[in-house]
């Protein structure tokens, strides 16, 4: 008990210690300034790069942004799929497959094989199919699907791309939370 009181007294005293002011690395500040107007940079974090990836250059940034967009899209589908199966909706023939982590052991091997083949096909097929006409990574318009995108202003396009990126970020956190609570066995406490 005395040790706990002593440690808490030290911790509370440290709260009143003067803040350490570090020197700003000019290379890092310069790299962050180069990315200040990118899609997804917004308050309160601004350009947030705790691991220093921005120092690796524009190509690495573009690669990571494309991965973030792809994983965000997959997680958006994952959250919808998780909630749909948790609500009891099943494909014909899979009515007895449970929702969540329990589904992996209950799926027939043929279905798992089809899933893996679909993932491989999607990775191959979702490369740049636009013939170099894509405006950005993740732009899969191929001359047939446009829905009026080309008629919109650049400001509108940036806003929509930022919305998609942020929804993907939220979906990544949401799917991680659903998976975590499913593994703990208390997912029914957070879903209606």
C-alpha atoms as a PDB file:
ATOM      1  CA  UNK A   1       0.000   0.000   0.000  1.00  0.00           C
ATOM      2  CA  UNK A   2       2.833   2.367   0.916  1.00  0.00           C
ATOM      3  CA  UNK A   3       4.512   1.632  -2.401  1.00  0.00           C
ATOM      4  CA  UNK A   4       1.337   2.456  -4.310  1.00  0.00           C
ATOM      5  CA  UNK A   5       0.989   5.772  -2.466  1.00  0.00           C
ATOM      6  CA  UNK A   6       4.640   6.596  -3.077  1.00  0.00           C
ATOM      7  CA  UNK A   7       4.358   5.844  -6.813  1.00  0.00           C
ATOM      8  CA  UNK A   8       1.184   7.878  -7.168  1.00  0.00           C
ATOM      9  CA  UNK A   9       2.863  10.825  -5.393  1.00  0.00           C
ATOM     10  CA  UNK A  10       5.759  10.662  -7.871  1.00  0.00           C
ATOM     11  CA  UNK A  11       3.358  10.479 -10.809  1.00  0.00           C
ATOM     12  CA  UNK A  12       1.345  13.456  -9.601  1.00  0.00           C
ATOM     13  CA  UNK A  13       4.516  15.483  -8.999  1.00  0.00           C
ATOM     14  CA  UNK A  14       5.674  14.728 -12.551  1.00  0.00           C
ATOM     15  CA  UNK A  15       2.472  16.294 -13.864  1.00  0.00           C
ATOM     16  CA  UNK A  16       3.639  19.689 -12.585  1.00  0.00           C
ATOM     17  CA  UNK A  17       7.175  19.434 -13.965  1.00  0.00           C
ATOM     18  CA  UNK A  18       8.022  21.912 -16.733  1.00  0.00           C
ATOM     19  CA  UNK A  19       7.391  20.602 -20.225  1.00  0.00           C
ATOM     20  CA  UNK A  20      10.385  19.517 -22.233  1.00  0.00           C
ATOM     21  CA  UNK A  21      10.680  21.609 -25.372  1.00  0.00           C
ATOM     22  CA  UNK A  22      12.510  19.796 -28.099  1.00  0.00           C
ATOM     23  CA  UNK A  23      14.144  21.143 -31.181  1.00  0.00           C
ATOM     24  CA  UNK A  24      12.174  20.834 -34.373  1.00  0.00           C
ATOM     25  CA  UNK A  25      13.871  18.822 -37.061  1.00  0.00           C
ATOM     26  CA  UNK A  26      13.797  21.073 -40.124  1.00  0.00           C
ATOM     27  CA  UNK A  27      13.835  18.114 -42.521  1.00  0.00           C
ATOM     28  CA  UNK A  28      10.732  16.635 -40.898  1.00  0.00           C
ATOM     29  CA  UNK A  29       8.977  20.017 -40.783  1.00  0.00           C
ATOM     30  CA  UNK A  30       9.800  20.574 -44.447  1.00  0.00           C
ATOM     31  CA  UNK A  31       8.531  17.107 -45.410  1.00  0.00           C
ATOM     32  CA  UNK A  32       5.293  17.689 -43.523  1.00  0.00           C
ATOM     33  CA  UNK A  33       4.798  21.056 -45.223  1.00  0.00           C
ATOM     34  CA  UNK A  34       5.042  19.346 -48.622  1.00  0.00           C
ATOM     35  CA  UNK A  35       2.057  17.137 -47.731  1.00  0.00           C
ATOM     36  CA  UNK A  36      -0.129  19.714 -45.957  1.00  0.00           C
ATOM     37  CA  UNK A  37      -2.656  19.948 -48.812  1.00  0.00           C
ATOM     38  CA  UNK A  38      -3.053  16.218 -49.440  1.00  0.00           C
ATOM     39  CA  UNK A  39      -6.352  14.346 -49.291  1.00  0.00           C
ATOM     40  CA  UNK A  40      -7.107  13.267 -45.715  1.00  0.00           C
ATOM     41  CA  UNK A  41      -4.978  15.901 -43.965  1.00  0.00           C
ATOM     42  CA  UNK A  42      -7.301  17.681 -41.553  1.00  0.00           C
ATOM     43  CA  UNK A  43      -7.730  18.924 -38.024  1.00  0.00           C
ATOM     44  CA  UNK A  44      -6.960  18.074 -35.319  1.00  0.00           C
ATOM     45  CA  UNK A  45      -3.945  16.005 -36.403  1.00  0.00           C
ATOM     46  CA  UNK A  46      -2.958  17.729 -39.636  1.00  0.00           C
ATOM     47  CA  UNK A  47      -0.030  15.911 -41.210  1.00  0.00           C
ATOM     48  CA  UNK A  48       0.393  13.016 -38.803  1.00  0.00           C
ATOM     49  CA  UNK A  49       3.461  10.898 -39.443  1.00  0.00           C
ATOM     50  CA  UNK A  50       4.790   9.441 -36.199  1.00  0.00           C
ATOM     51  CA  UNK A  51       6.911   6.807 -37.972  1.00  0.00           C
ATOM     52  CA  UNK A  52       8.687   9.128 -40.421  1.00  0.00           C
ATOM     53  CA  UNK A  53       7.390   7.654 -43.694  1.00  0.00           C
ATOM     54  CA  UNK A  54       7.179  11.088 -45.312  1.00  0.00           C
ATOM     55  CA  UNK A  55      10.952  11.308 -45.348  1.00  0.00           C
ATOM     56  CA  UNK A  56      11.032   8.351 -47.770  1.00  0.00           C
ATOM     57  CA  UNK A  57       9.633  10.472 -50.575  1.00  0.00           C
ATOM     58  CA  UNK A  58       6.566  10.994 -52.720  1.00  0.00           C
ATOM     59  CA  UNK A  59       6.515   7.468 -54.205  1.00  0.00           C
ATOM     60  CA  UNK A  60       6.329   5.847 -50.775  1.00  0.00           C
ATOM     61  CA  UNK A  61       3.598   8.276 -49.730  1.00  0.00           C
ATOM     62  CA  UNK A  62       1.542   7.484 -52.842  1.00  0.00           C
ATOM     63  CA  UNK A  63       1.989   3.742 -52.283  1.00  0.00           C
ATOM     64  CA  UNK A  64       0.887   3.975 -48.660  1.00  0.00           C
ATOM     65  CA  UNK A  65      -2.059   6.210 -49.563  1.00  0.00           C
ATOM     66  CA  UNK A  66      -3.214   3.668 -52.168  1.00  0.00           C
ATOM     67  CA  UNK A  67      -2.931   0.904 -49.564  1.00  0.00           C
ATOM     68  CA  UNK A  68      -4.885   2.981 -47.053  1.00  0.00           C
ATOM     69  CA  UNK A  69      -7.623   3.546 -49.617  1.00  0.00           C
ATOM     70  CA  UNK A  70      -7.750  -0.143 -50.577  1.00  0.00           C
ATOM     71  CA  UNK A  71      -7.817  -1.367 -46.983  1.00  0.00           C
ATOM     72  CA  UNK A  72     -10.456   1.232 -46.141  1.00  0.00           C
ATOM     73  CA  UNK A  73     -12.681   0.015 -48.972  1.00  0.00           C
ATOM     74  CA  UNK A  74     -12.235  -3.606 -47.924  1.00  0.00           C
ATOM     75  CA  UNK A  75     -13.054  -2.745 -44.308  1.00  0.00           C
ATOM     76  CA  UNK A  76     -16.171  -0.815 -45.335  1.00  0.00           C
ATOM     77  CA  UNK A  77     -17.366  -3.999 -47.052  1.00  0.00           C
ATOM     78  CA  UNK A  78     -16.231  -6.026 -44.042  1.00  0.00           C
ATOM     79  CA  UNK A  79     -18.236  -3.991 -41.543  1.00  0.00           C
ATOM     80  CA  UNK A  80     -21.361  -4.212 -43.696  1.00  0.00           C
ATOM     81  CA  UNK A  81     -20.817  -7.954 -44.167  1.00  0.00           C
ATOM     82  CA  UNK A  82     -20.236  -8.509 -40.470  1.00  0.00           C
ATOM     83  CA  UNK A  83     -23.377  -6.609 -39.476  1.00  0.00           C
ATOM     84  CA  UNK A  84     -25.409  -8.354 -42.185  1.00  0.00           C
ATOM     85  CA  UNK A  85     -24.399 -11.854 -41.095  1.00  0.00           C
ATOM     86  CA  UNK A  86     -24.808 -10.934 -37.431  1.00  0.00           C
ATOM     87  CA  UNK A  87     -28.390  -9.901 -38.283  1.00  0.00           C
ATOM     88  CA  UNK A  88     -28.975 -13.441 -39.591  1.00  0.00           C
ATOM     89  CA  UNK A  89     -28.788 -12.924 -43.354  1.00  0.00           C
ATOM     90  CA  UNK A  90     -27.062 -15.880 -45.059  1.00  0.00           C
ATOM     91  CA  UNK A  91     -26.379 -17.051 -48.588  1.00  0.00           C
ATOM     92  CA  UNK A  92     -28.344 -20.112 -49.711  1.00  0.00           C
ATOM     93  CA  UNK A  93     -26.609 -23.248 -48.486  1.00  0.00           C
ATOM     94  CA  UNK A  94     -24.804 -21.432 -45.679  1.00  0.00           C
ATOM     95  CA  UNK A  95     -27.752 -20.928 -43.338  1.00  0.00           C
ATOM     96  CA  UNK A  96     -26.104 -22.932 -40.547  1.00  0.00           C
ATOM     97  CA  UNK A  97     -22.802 -20.981 -40.634  1.00  0.00           C
ATOM     98  CA  UNK A  98     -22.460 -18.747 -37.543  1.00  0.00           C
ATOM     99  CA  UNK A  99     -21.423 -15.093 -37.634  1.00  0.00           C
ATOM    100  CA  UNK A 100     -17.997 -13.713 -36.734  1.00  0.00           C
ATOM    101  CA  UNK A 101     -14.862 -15.715 -35.975  1.00  0.00           C
ATOM    102  CA  UNK A 102     -16.867 -18.909 -35.551  1.00  0.00           C
ATOM    103  CA  UNK A 103     -17.610 -18.859 -39.281  1.00  0.00           C
ATOM    104  CA  UNK A 104     -14.015 -19.711 -40.236  1.00  0.00           C
ATOM    105  CA  UNK A 105     -14.156 -23.193 -38.721  1.00  0.00           C
ATOM    106  CA  UNK A 106     -17.715 -23.817 -39.925  1.00  0.00           C
ATOM    107  CA  UNK A 107     -17.211 -22.917 -43.612  1.00  0.00           C
ATOM    108  CA  UNK A 108     -16.862 -25.795 -46.068  1.00  0.00           C
ATOM    109  CA  UNK A 109     -13.395 -26.111 -47.605  1.00  0.00           C
ATOM    110  CA  UNK A 110     -14.823 -25.418 -51.073  1.00  0.00           C
ATOM    111  CA  UNK A 111     -16.097 -22.034 -49.921  1.00  0.00           C
ATOM    112  CA  UNK A 112     -12.720 -21.153 -48.396  1.00  0.00           C
ATOM    113  CA  UNK A 113     -11.034 -22.102 -51.678  1.00  0.00           C
ATOM    114  CA  UNK A 114     -13.472 -19.912 -53.611  1.00  0.00           C
ATOM    115  CA  UNK A 115     -12.792 -17.013 -51.249  1.00  0.00           C
ATOM    116  CA  UNK A 116      -9.025 -17.274 -51.678  1.00  0.00           C
ATOM    117  CA  UNK A 117      -9.389 -17.539 -55.464  1.00  0.00           C
ATOM    118  CA  UNK A 118     -11.659 -14.470 -55.443  1.00  0.00           C
ATOM    119  CA  UNK A 119      -9.118 -12.482 -53.420  1.00  0.00           C
ATOM    120  CA  UNK A 120      -6.335 -13.408 -55.840  1.00  0.00           C
ATOM    121  CA  UNK A 121      -8.492 -12.523 -58.835  1.00  0.00           C
ATOM    122  CA  UNK A 122      -9.454  -9.180 -57.296  1.00  0.00           C
ATOM    123  CA  UNK A 123      -5.799  -8.297 -56.635  1.00  0.00           C
ATOM    124  CA  UNK A 124      -4.925  -9.074 -60.259  1.00  0.00           C
ATOM    125  CA  UNK A 125      -7.999  -7.490 -61.838  1.00  0.00           C
ATOM    126  CA  UNK A 126      -8.011  -4.290 -59.801  1.00  0.00           C
ATOM    127  CA  UNK A 127      -4.759  -2.984 -61.171  1.00  0.00           C
ATOM    128  CA  UNK A 128      -4.853   0.139 -63.307  1.00  0.00           C
ATOM    129  CA  UNK A 129      -7.309  -0.901 -66.012  1.00  0.00           C
ATOM    130  CA  UNK A 130      -7.767   2.645 -67.275  1.00  0.00           C
ATOM    131  CA  UNK A 131      -4.789   2.651 -69.623  1.00  0.00           C
ATOM    132  CA  UNK A 132      -3.030   5.364 -67.617  1.00  0.00           C
ATOM    133  CA  UNK A 133      -6.076   7.659 -67.582  1.00  0.00           C
ATOM    134  CA  UNK A 134      -6.688   7.378 -63.840  1.00  0.00           C
ATOM    135  CA  UNK A 135      -6.627  10.684 -61.956  1.00  0.00           C
ATOM    136  CA  UNK A 136      -5.367   9.027 -58.749  1.00  0.00           C
ATOM    137  CA  UNK A 137      -4.663   5.604 -57.255  1.00  0.00           C
ATOM    138  CA  UNK A 138      -7.981   3.889 -56.680  1.00  0.00           C
ATOM    139  CA  UNK A 139      -9.664   5.615 -59.632  1.00  0.00           C
ATOM    140  CA  UNK A 140     -11.136   2.661 -61.504  1.00  0.00           C
ATOM    141  CA  UNK A 141     -13.225   4.575 -64.020  1.00  0.00           C
ATOM    142  CA  UNK A 142     -12.561   2.983 -67.363  1.00  0.00           C
ATOM    143  CA  UNK A 143     -14.421   5.251 -69.767  1.00  0.00           C
ATOM    144  CA  UNK A 144     -17.745   3.527 -69.100  1.00  0.00           C
ATOM    145  CA  UNK A 145     -18.337   4.340 -65.441  1.00  0.00           C
ATOM    146  CA  UNK A 146     -18.267   8.046 -64.695  1.00  0.00           C
ATOM    147  CA  UNK A 147     -21.471   9.101 -62.898  1.00  0.00           C
ATOM    148  CA  UNK A 148     -20.664  12.754 -63.621  1.00  0.00           C
ATOM    149  CA  UNK A 149     -17.265  12.828 -61.894  1.00  0.00           C
ATOM    150  CA  UNK A 150     -15.581  14.703 -64.743  1.00  0.00           C
ATOM    151  CA  UNK A 151     -18.208  17.456 -64.618  1.00  0.00           C
ATOM    152  CA  UNK A 152     -17.516  18.301 -60.963  1.00  0.00           C
ATOM    153  CA  UNK A 153     -15.148  20.943 -59.606  1.00  0.00           C
ATOM    154  CA  UNK A 154     -11.752  20.050 -58.157  1.00  0.00           C
ATOM    155  CA  UNK A 155     -12.910  21.229 -54.724  1.00  0.00           C
ATOM    156  CA  UNK A 156     -15.927  18.876 -54.864  1.00  0.00           C
ATOM    157  CA  UNK A 157     -13.697  15.966 -55.938  1.00  0.00           C
ATOM    158  CA  UNK A 158     -11.245  16.613 -53.100  1.00  0.00           C
ATOM    159  CA  UNK A 159     -14.099  16.734 -50.596  1.00  0.00           C
ATOM    160  CA  UNK A 160     -15.544  13.426 -51.822  1.00  0.00           C
ATOM    161  CA  UNK A 161     -12.151  11.717 -51.829  1.00  0.00           C
ATOM    162  CA  UNK A 162     -11.515  12.980 -48.281  1.00  0.00           C
ATOM    163  CA  UNK A 163     -14.905  11.653 -47.179  1.00  0.00           C
ATOM    164  CA  UNK A 164     -14.133   8.229 -48.662  1.00  0.00           C
ATOM    165  CA  UNK A 165     -10.702   8.129 -47.036  1.00  0.00           C
ATOM    166  CA  UNK A 166     -12.104   9.091 -43.624  1.00  0.00           C
ATOM    167  CA  UNK A 167     -14.944   6.583 -43.881  1.00  0.00           C
ATOM    168  CA  UNK A 168     -12.357   3.949 -44.722  1.00  0.00           C
ATOM    169  CA  UNK A 169     -10.321   4.933 -41.669  1.00  0.00           C
ATOM    170  CA  UNK A 170     -13.429   4.692 -39.496  1.00  0.00           C
ATOM    171  CA  UNK A 171     -14.319   1.318 -41.030  1.00  0.00           C
ATOM    172  CA  UNK A 172     -10.830  -0.020 -40.279  1.00  0.00           C
ATOM    173  CA  UNK A 173     -11.250   0.931 -36.625  1.00  0.00           C
ATOM    174  CA  UNK A 174     -14.846  -0.337 -36.578  1.00  0.00           C
ATOM    175  CA  UNK A 175     -13.956  -3.720 -38.046  1.00  0.00           C
ATOM    176  CA  UNK A 176     -11.040  -4.058 -35.643  1.00  0.00           C
ATOM    177  CA  UNK A 177     -13.405  -3.299 -32.755  1.00  0.00           C
ATOM    178  CA  UNK A 178     -15.994  -5.821 -33.974  1.00  0.00           C
ATOM    179  CA  UNK A 179     -13.333  -8.509 -34.375  1.00  0.00           C
ATOM    180  CA  UNK A 180     -11.911  -7.757 -30.935  1.00  0.00           C
ATOM    181  CA  UNK A 181     -15.294  -7.895 -29.193  1.00  0.00           C
ATOM    182  CA  UNK A 182     -16.242 -11.022 -31.127  1.00  0.00           C
ATOM    183  CA  UNK A 183     -13.050 -12.705 -29.898  1.00  0.00           C
ATOM    184  CA  UNK A 184     -13.884 -11.623 -26.337  1.00  0.00           C
ATOM    185  CA  UNK A 185     -17.371 -13.043 -26.725  1.00  0.00           C
ATOM    186  CA  UNK A 186     -19.241  -9.859 -25.844  1.00  0.00           C
ATOM    187  CA  UNK A 187     -20.203  -8.588 -29.292  1.00  0.00           C
ATOM    188  CA  UNK A 188     -23.869  -8.988 -28.348  1.00  0.00           C
ATOM    189  CA  UNK A 189     -23.338  -6.289 -25.715  1.00  0.00           C
ATOM    190  CA  UNK A 190     -22.410  -3.671 -28.335  1.00  0.00           C
ATOM    191  CA  UNK A 191     -24.823  -4.635 -31.146  1.00  0.00           C
ATOM    192  CA  UNK A 192     -28.604  -4.401 -30.848  1.00  0.00           C
END
